[in-house]
PDB file of all heavy atoms in Angstrom:
ATOM      1  N   LEU A   1       0.838  -1.234   0.037  1.00  0.00           N
ATOM      2  CA  LEU A   1       0.026  -0.032   0.031  1.00  0.00           C
ATOM      3  C   LEU A   1       0.902   1.236  -0.018  1.00  0.00           C
ATOM      4  O   LEU A   1       0.513   2.169  -0.759  1.00  0.00           O
ATOM      5  CB  LEU A   1      -0.883  -0.034   1.193  1.00  0.00           C
ATOM      6  CG  LEU A   1      -2.087  -1.053   1.153  1.00  0.00           C
ATOM      7  CD1 LEU A   1      -2.823  -1.032   2.524  1.00  0.00           C
ATOM      8  CD2 LEU A   1      -2.951  -0.864  -0.015  1.00  0.00           C
ATOM      9  N   LEU A   2       1.932   1.217   0.780  1.00  0.00           N
ATOM     10  CA  LEU A   2       2.898   2.389   0.782  1.00  0.00           C
ATOM     11  C   LEU A   2       3.536   2.647  -0.574  1.00  0.00           C
ATOM     12  O   LEU A   2       3.711   3.766  -1.003  1.00  0.00           O
ATOM     13  CB  LEU A   2       3.918   2.281   1.861  1.00  0.00           C
ATOM     14  CG  LEU A   2       3.406   2.359   3.289  1.00  0.00           C
ATOM     15  CD1 LEU A   2       4.485   2.044   4.249  1.00  0.00           C
ATOM     16  CD2 LEU A   2       2.877   3.833   3.630  1.00  0.00           C
ATOM     17  N   ILE A   3       3.905   1.556  -1.257  1.00  0.00           N
ATOM     18  CA  ILE A   3       4.476   1.671  -2.519  1.00  0.00           C
ATOM     19  C   ILE A   3       3.510   2.191  -3.454  1.00  0.00           C
ATOM     20  O   ILE A   3       3.855   3.093  -4.358  1.00  0.00           O
ATOM     21  CB  ILE A   3       5.087   0.384  -2.903  1.00  0.00           C
ATOM     22  CG1 ILE A   3       6.256  -0.006  -2.138  1.00  0.00           C
ATOM     23  CG2 ILE A   3       5.438   0.451  -4.621  1.00  0.00           C
ATOM     24  CD1 ILE A   3       6.782  -1.458  -2.455  1.00  0.00           C
ATOM     25  N   LEU A   4       2.223   1.670  -3.511  1.00  0.00           N
ATOM     26  CA  LEU A   4       1.275   2.178  -4.436  1.00  0.00           C
ATOM     27  C   LEU A   4       0.948   3.696  -4.053  1.00  0.00           C
ATOM     28  O   LEU A   4       0.734   4.419  -5.149  1.00  0.00           O
ATOM     29  CB  LEU A   4      -0.062   1.368  -4.271  1.00  0.00           C
ATOM     30  CG  LEU A   4       0.119   0.034  -4.759  1.00  0.00           C
ATOM     31  CD1 LEU A   4      -1.183  -0.813  -4.449  1.00  0.00           C
ATOM     32  CD2 LEU A   4       0.411  -0.134  -6.144  1.00  0.00           C
ATOM     33  N   LEU A   5       0.911   4.157  -2.826  1.00  0.00           N
ATOM     34  CA  LEU A   5       0.652   5.427  -2.474  1.00  0.00           C
ATOM     35  C   LEU A   5       1.834   6.278  -2.997  1.00  0.00           C
ATOM     36  O   LEU A   5       1.684   7.472  -3.549  1.00  0.00           O
ATOM     37  CB  LEU A   5       0.498   5.674  -0.938  1.00  0.00           C
ATOM     38  CG  LEU A   5       0.255   7.044  -0.459  1.00  0.00           C
ATOM     39  CD1 LEU A   5      -0.884   7.666  -1.110  1.00  0.00           C
ATOM     40  CD2 LEU A   5       0.203   7.014   1.010  1.00  0.00           C
ATOM     41  N   ALA A   6       3.069   5.837  -2.834  1.00  0.00           N
ATOM     42  CA  ALA A   6       4.156   6.591  -3.235  1.00  0.00           C
ATOM     43  C   ALA A   6       4.274   6.810  -4.787  1.00  0.00           C
ATOM     44  O   ALA A   6       4.490   7.838  -5.318  1.00  0.00           O
ATOM     45  CB  ALA A   6       5.548   5.896  -2.928  1.00  0.00           C
ATOM     46  N   LEU A   7       3.867   5.786  -5.531  1.00  0.00           N
ATOM     47  CA  LEU A   7       3.760   5.851  -7.057  1.00  0.00           C
ATOM     48  C   LEU A   7       2.713   6.911  -7.434  1.00  0.00           C
ATOM     49  O   LEU A   7       2.837   7.610  -8.387  1.00  0.00           O
ATOM     50  CB  LEU A   7       3.532   4.445  -7.682  1.00  0.00           C
ATOM     51  CG  LEU A   7       4.628   3.496  -7.556  1.00  0.00           C
ATOM     52  CD1 LEU A   7       4.084   2.131  -8.074  1.00  0.00           C
ATOM     53  CD2 LEU A   7       5.800   4.034  -8.283  1.00  0.00           C
ATOM     54  N   PHE A   8       1.571   6.846  -6.669  1.00  0.00           N
ATOM     55  CA  PHE A   8       0.448   7.743  -6.938  1.00  0.00           C
ATOM     56  C   PHE A   8       0.808   9.133  -6.713  1.00  0.00           C
ATOM     57  O   PHE A   8       0.585  10.080  -7.569  1.00  0.00           O
ATOM     58  CB  PHE A   8      -0.779   7.389  -6.101  1.00  0.00           C
ATOM     59  CG  PHE A   8      -1.906   8.361  -6.263  1.00  0.00           C
ATOM     60  CD1 PHE A   8      -2.776   8.354  -7.393  1.00  0.00           C
ATOM     61  CD2 PHE A   8      -2.163   9.349  -5.320  1.00  0.00           C
ATOM     62  CE1 PHE A   8      -3.739   9.300  -7.567  1.00  0.00           C
ATOM     63  CE2 PHE A   8      -3.147  10.274  -5.402  1.00  0.00           C
ATOM     64  CZ  PHE A   8      -4.023  10.196  -6.575  1.00  0.00           C
ATOM     65  N   MET A   9       1.641   9.460  -5.582  1.00  0.00           N
ATOM     66  CA  MET A   9       2.044  10.769  -5.359  1.00  0.00           C
ATOM     67  C   MET A   9       3.093  11.332  -6.300  1.00  0.00           C
ATOM     68  O   MET A   9       3.256  12.469  -6.651  1.00  0.00           O
ATOM     69  CB  MET A   9       2.507  10.950  -3.862  1.00  0.00           C
ATOM     70  CG  MET A   9       1.593  10.584  -2.847  1.00  0.00           C
ATOM     71  SD  MET A   9       0.174  11.682  -2.837  1.00  0.00           S
ATOM     72  CE  MET A   9       1.016  13.244  -2.335  1.00  0.00           C
ATOM     73  N   MET A  10       3.979  10.273  -6.731  1.00  0.00           N
ATOM     74  CA  MET A  10       5.081  10.666  -7.635  1.00  0.00           C
ATOM     75  C   MET A  10       4.592  10.692  -9.159  1.00  0.00           C
ATOM     76  O   MET A  10       5.413  10.878  -9.976  1.00  0.00           O
ATOM     77  CB  MET A  10       6.151   9.710  -7.518  1.00  0.00           C
ATOM     78  CG  MET A  10       6.905   9.761  -6.327  1.00  0.00           C
ATOM     79  SD  MET A  10       8.191   8.465  -6.104  1.00  0.00           S
ATOM     80  CE  MET A  10       9.275   9.118  -7.484  1.00  0.00           C
ATOM     81  N   GLY A  11       3.302  10.311  -9.363  1.00  0.00           N
ATOM     82  CA  GLY A  11       2.774  10.263 -10.761  1.00  0.00           C
ATOM     83  C   GLY A  11       3.007  11.482 -11.687  1.00  0.00           C
ATOM     84  O   GLY A  11       3.554  11.254 -12.651  1.00  0.00           O
ATOM     85  N   PRO A  12       2.766  12.615 -11.135  1.00  0.00           N
ATOM     86  CA  PRO A  12       3.010  13.876 -12.019  1.00  0.00           C
ATOM     87  C   PRO A  12       4.385  14.062 -12.190  1.00  0.00           C
ATOM     88  O   PRO A  12       4.819  14.419 -13.437  1.00  0.00           O
ATOM     89  CB  PRO A  12       2.368  14.910 -11.215  1.00  0.00           C
ATOM     90  CG  PRO A  12       1.343  14.342 -10.335  1.00  0.00           C
ATOM     91  CD  PRO A  12       1.901  12.976  -9.905  1.00  0.00           C
ATOM     92  N   PHE A  13       5.219  13.897 -11.212  1.00  0.00           N
ATOM     93  CA  PHE A  13       6.773  13.970 -11.464  1.00  0.00           C
ATOM     94  C   PHE A  13       7.264  13.038 -12.436  1.00  0.00           C
ATOM     95  O   PHE A  13       8.058  13.308 -13.309  1.00  0.00           O
ATOM     96  CB  PHE A  13       7.365  13.838 -10.074  1.00  0.00           C
ATOM     97  CG  PHE A  13       8.959  13.771 -10.232  1.00  0.00           C
ATOM     98  CD1 PHE A  13       9.681  15.035 -10.303  1.00  0.00           C
ATOM     99  CD2 PHE A  13       9.687  12.685 -10.181  1.00  0.00           C
ATOM    100  CE1 PHE A  13      11.040  15.080 -10.420  1.00  0.00           C
ATOM    101  CE2 PHE A  13      11.083  12.660 -10.327  1.00  0.00           C
ATOM    102  CZ  PHE A  13      11.777  13.949 -10.463  1.00  0.00           C
ATOM    103  N   LEU A  14       6.876  11.732 -12.335  1.00  0.00           N
ATOM    104  CA  LEU A  14       7.335  10.710 -13.265  1.00  0.00           C
ATOM    105  C   LEU A  14       6.782  10.990 -14.659  1.00  0.00           C
ATOM    106  O   LEU A  14       7.565  10.744 -15.742  1.00  0.00           O
ATOM    107  CB  LEU A  14       6.847   9.226 -12.848  1.00  0.00           C
ATOM    108  CG  LEU A  14       7.327   8.897 -11.471  1.00  0.00           C
ATOM    109  CD1 LEU A  14       6.855   7.462 -11.113  1.00  0.00           C
ATOM    110  CD2 LEU A  14       8.979   8.685 -11.574  1.00  0.00           C
ATOM    111  N   TRP A  15       5.557  11.439 -14.825  1.00  0.00           N
ATOM    112  CA  TRP A  15       5.069  11.827 -16.122  1.00  0.00           C
ATOM    113  C   TRP A  15       5.887  13.008 -16.787  1.00  0.00           C
ATOM    114  O   TRP A  15       6.187  12.899 -18.020  1.00  0.00           O
ATOM    115  CB  TRP A  15       3.425  12.172 -15.980  1.00  0.00           C
ATOM    116  CG  TRP A  15       3.000  12.650 -17.348  1.00  0.00           C
ATOM    117  CD1 TRP A  15       2.532  11.821 -18.372  1.00  0.00           C
ATOM    118  CD2 TRP A  15       2.715  13.977 -17.662  1.00  0.00           C
ATOM    119  NE1 TRP A  15       2.139  12.638 -19.438  1.00  0.00           N
ATOM    120  CE2 TRP A  15       2.151  13.975 -19.020  1.00  0.00           C
ATOM    121  CE3 TRP A  15       2.951  15.138 -17.145  1.00  0.00           C
ATOM    122  CZ2 TRP A  15       1.792  15.169 -19.708  1.00  0.00           C
ATOM    123  CZ3 TRP A  15       2.560  16.415 -17.788  1.00  0.00           C
ATOM    124  CH2 TRP A  15       1.960  16.298 -18.972  1.00  0.00           C
ATOM    125  N   LEU A  16       6.134  13.893 -15.761  1.00  0.00           N
ATOM    126  CA  LEU A  16       6.990  15.079 -16.433  1.00  0.00           C
ATOM    127  C   LEU A  16       8.382  14.724 -16.820  1.00  0.00           C
ATOM    128  O   LEU A  16       8.875  14.950 -17.846  1.00  0.00           O
ATOM    129  CB  LEU A  16       7.004  16.138 -15.317  1.00  0.00           C
ATOM    130  CG  LEU A  16       7.547  17.590 -15.716  1.00  0.00           C
ATOM    131  CD1 LEU A  16       6.446  18.206 -16.613  1.00  0.00           C
ATOM    132  CD2 LEU A  16       7.850  18.449 -14.449  1.00  0.00           C
ATOM    133  N   LEU A  17       8.951  13.771 -16.153  1.00  0.00           N
ATOM    134  CA  LEU A  17      10.249  13.213 -16.485  1.00  0.00           C
ATOM    135  C   LEU A  17      10.059  12.463 -17.719  1.00  0.00           C
ATOM    136  O   LEU A  17      11.005  12.558 -18.642  1.00  0.00           O
ATOM    137  CB  LEU A  17      10.732  12.242 -15.432  1.00  0.00           C
ATOM    138  CG  LEU A  17      12.021  11.541 -15.722  1.00  0.00           C
ATOM    139  CD1 LEU A  17      13.227  12.529 -15.866  1.00  0.00           C
ATOM    140  CD2 LEU A  17      12.389  10.593 -14.565  1.00  0.00           C
ATOM    141  N   SER A  18       9.124  11.785 -17.950  1.00  0.00           N
ATOM    142  CA  SER A  18       8.888  11.061 -19.114  1.00  0.00           C
ATOM    143  C   SER A  18       8.778  12.012 -20.429  1.00  0.00           C
ATOM    144  O   SER A  18       9.249  11.671 -21.429  1.00  0.00           O
ATOM    145  CB  SER A  18       7.691  10.113 -19.050  1.00  0.00           C
ATOM    146  OG  SER A  18       7.475   9.406 -20.277  1.00  0.00           O
ATOM    147  N   VAL A  19       7.961  13.009 -20.188  1.00  0.00           N
ATOM    148  CA  VAL A  19       7.772  13.955 -21.197  1.00  0.00           C
ATOM    149  C   VAL A  19       9.012  14.641 -21.656  1.00  0.00           C
ATOM    150  O   VAL A  19       9.236  14.837 -22.853  1.00  0.00           O
ATOM    151  CB  VAL A  19       6.667  15.005 -20.818  1.00  0.00           C
ATOM    152  CG1 VAL A  19       6.631  16.112 -21.897  1.00  0.00           C
ATOM    153  CG2 VAL A  19       5.324  14.405 -20.603  1.00  0.00           C
ATOM    154  N   SER A  20       9.944  14.917 -20.651  1.00  0.00           N
ATOM    155  CA  SER A  20      11.086  15.663 -20.866  1.00  0.00           C
ATOM    156  C   SER A  20      11.987  14.817 -21.660  1.00  0.00           C
ATOM    157  O   SER A  20      13.051  15.397 -22.451  1.00  0.00           O
ATOM    158  CB  SER A  20      11.849  16.031 -19.681  1.00  0.00           C
ATOM    159  OG  SER A  20      12.315  14.975 -18.912  1.00  0.00           O
ATOM    160  N   LEU A  21      11.843  13.509 -21.865  1.00  0.00           N
ATOM    161  CA  LEU A  21      12.700  12.595 -22.581  1.00  0.00           C
ATOM    162  C   LEU A  21      12.085  12.216 -23.875  1.00  0.00           C
ATOM    163  O   LEU A  21      12.516  11.237 -24.626  1.00  0.00           O
ATOM    164  CB  LEU A  21      12.900  11.349 -21.828  1.00  0.00           C
ATOM    165  CG  LEU A  21      13.725  11.544 -20.498  1.00  0.00           C
ATOM    166  CD1 LEU A  21      13.846  10.259 -19.683  1.00  0.00           C
ATOM    167  CD2 LEU A  21      15.204  12.024 -20.659  1.00  0.00           C
ATOM    168  N   MET A  22      11.026  12.884 -24.336  1.00  0.00           N
ATOM    169  CA  MET A  22      10.366  12.719 -25.736  1.00  0.00           C
ATOM    170  C   MET A  22      10.456  13.827 -26.676  1.00  0.00           C
ATOM    171  O   MET A  22       9.629  14.674 -26.690  1.00  0.00           O
ATOM    172  CB  MET A  22       8.911  12.248 -25.470  1.00  0.00           C
ATOM    173  CG  MET A  22       8.600  10.978 -24.652  1.00  0.00           C
ATOM    174  SD  MET A  22       6.970  10.425 -24.735  1.00  0.00           S
ATOM    175  CE  MET A  22       6.223  11.667 -23.694  1.00  0.00           C
ATOM    176  N   PRO A  23      11.531  14.028 -27.317  1.00  0.00           N
ATOM    177  CA  PRO A  23      11.804  15.125 -28.181  1.00  0.00           C
ATOM    178  C   PRO A  23      10.790  15.175 -29.447  1.00  0.00           C
ATOM    179  O   PRO A  23      10.505  14.159 -29.974  1.00  0.00           O
ATOM    180  CB  PRO A  23      13.074  14.945 -28.648  1.00  0.00           C
ATOM    181  CG  PRO A  23      13.424  13.592 -28.462  1.00  0.00           C
ATOM    182  CD  PRO A  23      12.664  13.046 -27.333  1.00  0.00           C
ATOM    183  N   GLY A  24      10.246  16.396 -29.547  1.00  0.00           N
ATOM    184  CA  GLY A  24       9.356  16.468 -30.871  1.00  0.00           C
ATOM    185  C   GLY A  24       8.144  15.678 -30.794  1.00  0.00           C
ATOM    186  O   GLY A  24       7.506  15.403 -31.766  1.00  0.00           O
ATOM    187  N   ARG A  25       7.590  15.471 -29.573  1.00  0.00           N
ATOM    188  CA  ARG A  25       6.335  14.732 -29.412  1.00  0.00           C
ATOM    189  C   ARG A  25       5.304  15.645 -28.680  1.00  0.00           C
ATOM    190  O   ARG A  25       5.648  16.087 -27.537  1.00  0.00           O
ATOM    191  CB  ARG A  25       6.523  13.511 -28.728  1.00  0.00           C
ATOM    192  CG  ARG A  25       5.284  12.632 -28.511  1.00  0.00           C
ATOM    193  CD  ARG A  25       4.778  12.026 -29.817  1.00  0.00           C
ATOM    194  NE  ARG A  25       3.479  11.253 -29.565  1.00  0.00           N
ATOM    195  CZ  ARG A  25       3.449  10.038 -29.257  1.00  0.00           C
ATOM    196  NH1 ARG A  25       4.514   9.298 -29.107  1.00  0.00           N
ATOM    197  NH2 ARG A  25       2.350   9.342 -29.110  1.00  0.00           N
ATOM    198  N   ASN A  26       4.054  15.708 -29.237  1.00  0.00           N
ATOM    199  CA  ASN A  26       3.097  16.427 -28.472  1.00  0.00           C
ATOM    200  C   ASN A  26       2.405  15.423 -27.537  1.00  0.00           C
ATOM    201  O   ASN A  26       1.696  14.529 -27.891  1.00  0.00           O
ATOM    202  CB  ASN A  26       1.924  16.920 -29.471  1.00  0.00           C
ATOM    203  CG  ASN A  26       0.872  17.844 -28.720  1.00  0.00           C
ATOM    204  OD1 ASN A  26       0.934  17.858 -27.549  1.00  0.00           O
ATOM    205  ND2 ASN A  26       0.159  18.521 -29.564  1.00  0.00           N
ATOM    206  N   VAL A  27       2.661  15.641 -26.239  1.00  0.00           N
ATOM    207  CA  VAL A  27       2.120  14.691 -25.176  1.00  0.00           C
ATOM    208  C   VAL A  27       0.724  14.738 -24.977  1.00  0.00           C
ATOM    209  O   VAL A  27       0.271  13.741 -24.348  1.00  0.00           O
ATOM    210  CB  VAL A  27       2.808  14.965 -23.890  1.00  0.00           C
ATOM    211  CG1 VAL A  27       4.262  14.712 -23.947  1.00  0.00           C
ATOM    212  CG2 VAL A  27       2.494  16.372 -23.321  1.00  0.00           C
ATOM    213  N   PHE A  28      -0.021  15.683 -25.458  1.00  0.00           N
ATOM    214  CA  PHE A  28      -1.503  15.790 -25.379  1.00  0.00           C
ATOM    215  C   PHE A  28      -2.134  15.227 -26.666  1.00  0.00           C
ATOM    216  O   PHE A  28      -3.359  15.475 -26.795  1.00  0.00           O
ATOM    217  CB  PHE A  28      -1.937  17.172 -25.031  1.00  0.00           C
ATOM    218  CG  PHE A  28      -1.366  17.670 -23.709  1.00  0.00           C
ATOM    219  CD1 PHE A  28      -0.362  18.565 -23.795  1.00  0.00           C
ATOM    220  CD2 PHE A  28      -1.849  17.236 -22.566  1.00  0.00           C
ATOM    221  CE1 PHE A  28       0.180  19.149 -22.487  1.00  0.00           C
ATOM    222  CE2 PHE A  28      -1.334  17.726 -21.388  1.00  0.00           C
ATOM    223  CZ  PHE A  28      -0.305  18.656 -21.463  1.00  0.00           C
ATOM    224  N   ALA A  29      -1.329  14.631 -27.555  1.00  0.00           N
ATOM    225  CA  ALA A  29      -1.926  14.078 -28.657  1.00  0.00           C
ATOM    226  C   ALA A  29      -2.791  12.851 -28.359  1.00  0.00           C
ATOM    227  O   ALA A  29      -2.619  12.303 -27.149  1.00  0.00           O
ATOM    228  CB  ALA A  29      -0.816  13.685 -29.661  1.00  0.00           C
ATOM    229  N   SER A  30      -3.568  12.305 -29.304  1.00  0.00           N
ATOM    230  CA  SER A  30      -4.382  11.114 -28.964  1.00  0.00           C
ATOM    231  C   SER A  30      -3.850   9.868 -29.753  1.00  0.00           C
ATOM    232  O   SER A  30      -3.661  10.070 -30.988  1.00  0.00           O
ATOM    233  CB  SER A  30      -5.820  11.358 -29.387  1.00  0.00           C
ATOM    234  OG  SER A  30      -6.598  10.207 -29.106  1.00  0.00           O
ATOM    235  N   PRO A  31      -3.413   8.898 -29.048  1.00  0.00           N
ATOM    236  CA  PRO A  31      -3.462   8.539 -27.650  1.00  0.00           C
ATOM    237  C   PRO A  31      -2.353   9.267 -26.908  1.00  0.00           C
ATOM    238  O   PRO A  31      -1.285   9.437 -27.515  1.00  0.00           O
ATOM    239  CB  PRO A  31      -3.438   7.058 -27.580  1.00  0.00           C
ATOM    240  CG  PRO A  31      -2.583   6.691 -28.798  1.00  0.00           C
ATOM    241  CD  PRO A  31      -2.992   7.626 -29.813  1.00  0.00           C
ATOM    242  N   PRO A  32      -2.505   9.671 -25.689  1.00  0.00           N
ATOM    243  CA  PRO A  32      -1.424  10.318 -25.004  1.00  0.00           C
ATOM    244  C   PRO A  32      -0.177   9.374 -24.711  1.00  0.00           C
ATOM    245  O   PRO A  32      -0.363   8.181 -24.502  1.00  0.00           O
ATOM    246  CB  PRO A  32      -2.027  10.788 -23.598  1.00  0.00           C
ATOM    247  CG  PRO A  32      -3.179   9.812 -23.457  1.00  0.00           C
ATOM    248  CD  PRO A  32      -3.691   9.453 -24.723  1.00  0.00           C
ATOM    249  N   ALA A  33       0.984   9.850 -24.746  1.00  0.00           N
ATOM    250  CA  ALA A  33       2.186   9.125 -24.512  1.00  0.00           C
ATOM    251  C   ALA A  33       2.606   9.250 -23.114  1.00  0.00           C
ATOM    252  O   ALA A  33       2.953  10.287 -22.569  1.00  0.00           O
ATOM    253  CB  ALA A  33       3.208   9.494 -25.415  1.00  0.00           C
ATOM    254  N   ILE A  34       2.519   8.158 -22.355  1.00  0.00           N
ATOM    255  CA  ILE A  34       2.850   8.147 -20.991  1.00  0.00           C
ATOM    256  C   ILE A  34       4.304   7.750 -20.669  1.00  0.00           C
ATOM    257  O   ILE A  34       4.962   8.382 -20.077  1.00  0.00           O
ATOM    258  CB  ILE A  34       1.950   7.065 -20.237  1.00  0.00           C
ATOM    259  CG1 ILE A  34       0.538   7.329 -20.421  1.00  0.00           C
ATOM    260  CG2 ILE A  34       2.277   7.115 -18.695  1.00  0.00           C
ATOM    261  CD1 ILE A  34       0.009   8.763 -19.967  1.00  0.00           C
ATOM    262  N   LEU A  35       4.825   6.796 -21.462  1.00  0.00           N
ATOM    263  CA  LEU A  35       6.176   6.465 -21.324  1.00  0.00           C
ATOM    264  C   LEU A  35       6.956   6.802 -22.590  1.00  0.00           C
ATOM    265  O   LEU A  35       6.373   6.631 -23.676  1.00  0.00           O
ATOM    266  CB  LEU A  35       6.313   4.915 -21.036  1.00  0.00           C
ATOM    267  CG  LEU A  35       5.661   4.375 -19.785  1.00  0.00           C
ATOM    268  CD1 LEU A  35       5.736   2.890 -19.674  1.00  0.00           C
ATOM    269  CD2 LEU A  35       6.357   5.010 -18.510  1.00  0.00           C
ATOM    270  N   PRO A  36       8.235   7.190 -22.431  1.00  0.00           N
ATOM    271  CA  PRO A  36       9.025   7.493 -23.642  1.00  0.00           C
ATOM    272  C   PRO A  36       9.306   6.287 -24.516  1.00  0.00           C
ATOM    273  O   PRO A  36       9.711   5.283 -23.933  1.00  0.00           O
ATOM    274  CB  PRO A  36      10.280   8.153 -23.048  1.00  0.00           C
ATOM    275  CG  PRO A  36      10.521   7.551 -21.736  1.00  0.00           C
ATOM    276  CD  PRO A  36       8.964   7.375 -21.276  1.00  0.00           C
ATOM    277  N   THR A  37       9.186   6.437 -25.706  1.00  0.00           N
ATOM    278  CA  THR A  37       9.549   5.252 -26.522  1.00  0.00           C
ATOM    279  C   THR A  37      11.007   5.107 -26.692  1.00  0.00           C
ATOM    280  O   THR A  37      11.476   4.030 -27.019  1.00  0.00           O
ATOM    281  CB  THR A  37       9.014   5.540 -28.065  1.00  0.00           C
ATOM    282  OG1 THR A  37       9.504   6.832 -28.557  1.00  0.00           O
ATOM    283  CG2 THR A  37       7.394   5.671 -28.053  1.00  0.00           C
ATOM    284  N   PHE A  38      11.807   6.182 -26.665  1.00  0.00           N
ATOM    285  CA  PHE A  38      13.260   6.017 -26.398  1.00  0.00           C
ATOM    286  C   PHE A  38      13.754   7.211 -25.576  1.00  0.00           C
ATOM    287  O   PHE A  38      13.062   8.185 -25.412  1.00  0.00           O
ATOM    288  CB  PHE A  38      13.983   6.055 -27.739  1.00  0.00           C
ATOM    289  CG  PHE A  38      13.775   7.246 -28.424  1.00  0.00           C
ATOM    290  CD1 PHE A  38      14.747   8.399 -28.448  1.00  0.00           C
ATOM    291  CD2 PHE A  38      12.583   7.546 -29.311  1.00  0.00           C
ATOM    292  CE1 PHE A  38      14.636   9.424 -29.194  1.00  0.00           C
ATOM    293  CE2 PHE A  38      12.417   8.668 -29.985  1.00  0.00           C
ATOM    294  CZ  PHE A  38      13.504   9.632 -30.035  1.00  0.00           C
ATOM    295  N   ILE A  39      14.929   7.094 -24.963  1.00  0.00           N
ATOM    296  CA  ILE A  39      15.424   8.110 -24.034  1.00  0.00           C
ATOM    297  C   ILE A  39      16.466   9.024 -24.813  1.00  0.00           C
ATOM    298  O   ILE A  39      17.347   8.445 -25.458  1.00  0.00           O
ATOM    299  CB  ILE A  39      16.140   7.396 -22.863  1.00  0.00           C
ATOM    300  CG1 ILE A  39      15.142   6.654 -22.055  1.00  0.00           C
ATOM    301  CG2 ILE A  39      16.875   8.532 -21.998  1.00  0.00           C
ATOM    302  CD1 ILE A  39      15.782   6.054 -20.879  1.00  0.00           C
ATOM    303  N   ALA A  40      16.123  10.305 -24.855  1.00  0.00           N
ATOM    304  CA  ALA A  40      16.975  11.218 -25.513  1.00  0.00           C
ATOM    305  C   ALA A  40      17.003  12.530 -24.628  1.00  0.00           C
ATOM    306  O   ALA A  40      15.984  12.967 -24.050  1.00  0.00           O
ATOM    307  CB  ALA A  40      16.579  11.571 -26.949  1.00  0.00           C
ATOM    308  N   PHE A  41      18.150  13.181 -24.620  1.00  0.00           N
ATOM    309  CA  PHE A  41      18.245  14.452 -23.865  1.00  0.00           C
ATOM    310  C   PHE A  41      18.268  15.685 -24.676  1.00  0.00           C
ATOM    311  O   PHE A  41      18.805  16.620 -24.274  1.00  0.00           O
ATOM    312  CB  PHE A  41      19.529  14.327 -23.012  1.00  0.00           C
ATOM    313  CG  PHE A  41      19.553  13.183 -21.997  1.00  0.00           C
ATOM    314  CD1 PHE A  41      20.065  11.949 -22.326  1.00  0.00           C
ATOM    315  CD2 PHE A  41      19.031  13.393 -20.772  1.00  0.00           C
ATOM    316  CE1 PHE A  41      20.081  10.889 -21.445  1.00  0.00           C
ATOM    317  CE2 PHE A  41      19.007  12.420 -19.785  1.00  0.00           C
ATOM    318  CZ  PHE A  41      19.452  11.064 -20.114  1.00  0.00           C
ATOM    319  N   ASP A  42      17.760  15.528 -25.821  1.00  0.00           N
ATOM    320  CA  ASP A  42      17.737  16.812 -26.727  1.00  0.00           C
ATOM    321  C   ASP A  42      17.016  17.954 -26.182  1.00  0.00           C
ATOM    322  O   ASP A  42      17.480  19.074 -26.308  1.00  0.00           O
ATOM    323  CB  ASP A  42      17.129  16.379 -28.108  1.00  0.00           C
ATOM    324  CG  ASP A  42      17.875  15.370 -28.933  1.00  0.00           C
ATOM    325  OD1 ASP A  42      19.003  15.144 -28.506  1.00  0.00           O
ATOM    326  OD2 ASP A  42      17.390  14.679 -29.826  1.00  0.00           O
ATOM    327  N   ASN A  43      15.903  17.701 -25.450  1.00  0.00           N
ATOM    328  CA  ASN A  43      15.150  18.749 -24.881  1.00  0.00           C
ATOM    329  C   ASN A  43      15.972  19.621 -23.810  1.00  0.00           C
ATOM    330  O   ASN A  43      15.910  20.731 -23.749  1.00  0.00           O
ATOM    331  CB  ASN A  43      13.832  18.171 -24.217  1.00  0.00           C
ATOM    332  CG  ASN A  43      12.770  17.714 -25.245  1.00  0.00           C
ATOM    333  OD1 ASN A  43      12.753  18.300 -26.284  1.00  0.00           O
ATOM    334  ND2 ASN A  43      12.136  16.595 -24.893  1.00  0.00           N
ATOM    335  N   TYR A  44      16.681  18.826 -23.000  1.00  0.00           N
ATOM    336  CA  TYR A  44      17.435  19.451 -21.957  1.00  0.00           C
ATOM    337  C   TYR A  44      18.665  20.302 -22.672  1.00  0.00           C
ATOM    338  O   TYR A  44      18.857  21.391 -22.116  1.00  0.00           O
ATOM    339  CB  TYR A  44      18.225  18.333 -21.166  1.00  0.00           C
ATOM    340  CG  TYR A  44      17.213  17.555 -20.129  1.00  0.00           C
ATOM    341  CD1 TYR A  44      16.578  16.516 -20.679  1.00  0.00           C
ATOM    342  CD2 TYR A  44      16.870  17.994 -18.963  1.00  0.00           C
ATOM    343  CE1 TYR A  44      15.739  15.877 -19.816  1.00  0.00           C
ATOM    344  CE2 TYR A  44      16.040  17.403 -18.185  1.00  0.00           C
ATOM    345  CZ  TYR A  44      15.299  16.293 -18.538  1.00  0.00           C
ATOM    346  OH  TYR A  44      14.411  15.649 -17.744  1.00  0.00           O
ATOM    347  N   VAL A  45      19.340  19.794 -23.692  1.00  0.00           N
ATOM    348  CA  VAL A  45      20.339  20.539 -24.327  1.00  0.00           C
ATOM    349  C   VAL A  45      19.815  21.791 -25.010  1.00  0.00           C
ATOM    350  O   VAL A  45      20.287  22.890 -24.762  1.00  0.00           O
ATOM    351  CB  VAL A  45      21.153  19.594 -25.338  1.00  0.00           C
ATOM    352  CG1 VAL A  45      22.123  20.440 -26.107  1.00  0.00           C
ATOM    353  CG2 VAL A  45      21.782  18.338 -24.640  1.00  0.00           C
TER     354      VAL A  45
END
């Protein structure tokens, strides 16, 4: 239960981290992309 609660509380942060690793992708497109298809740091650079 504590792990599930922690994942629920960290949900927005984990989603934001995932979005930051998806270059050139509209995250609000249909269907929404929850997990990155590949990891790239282009957005950060």
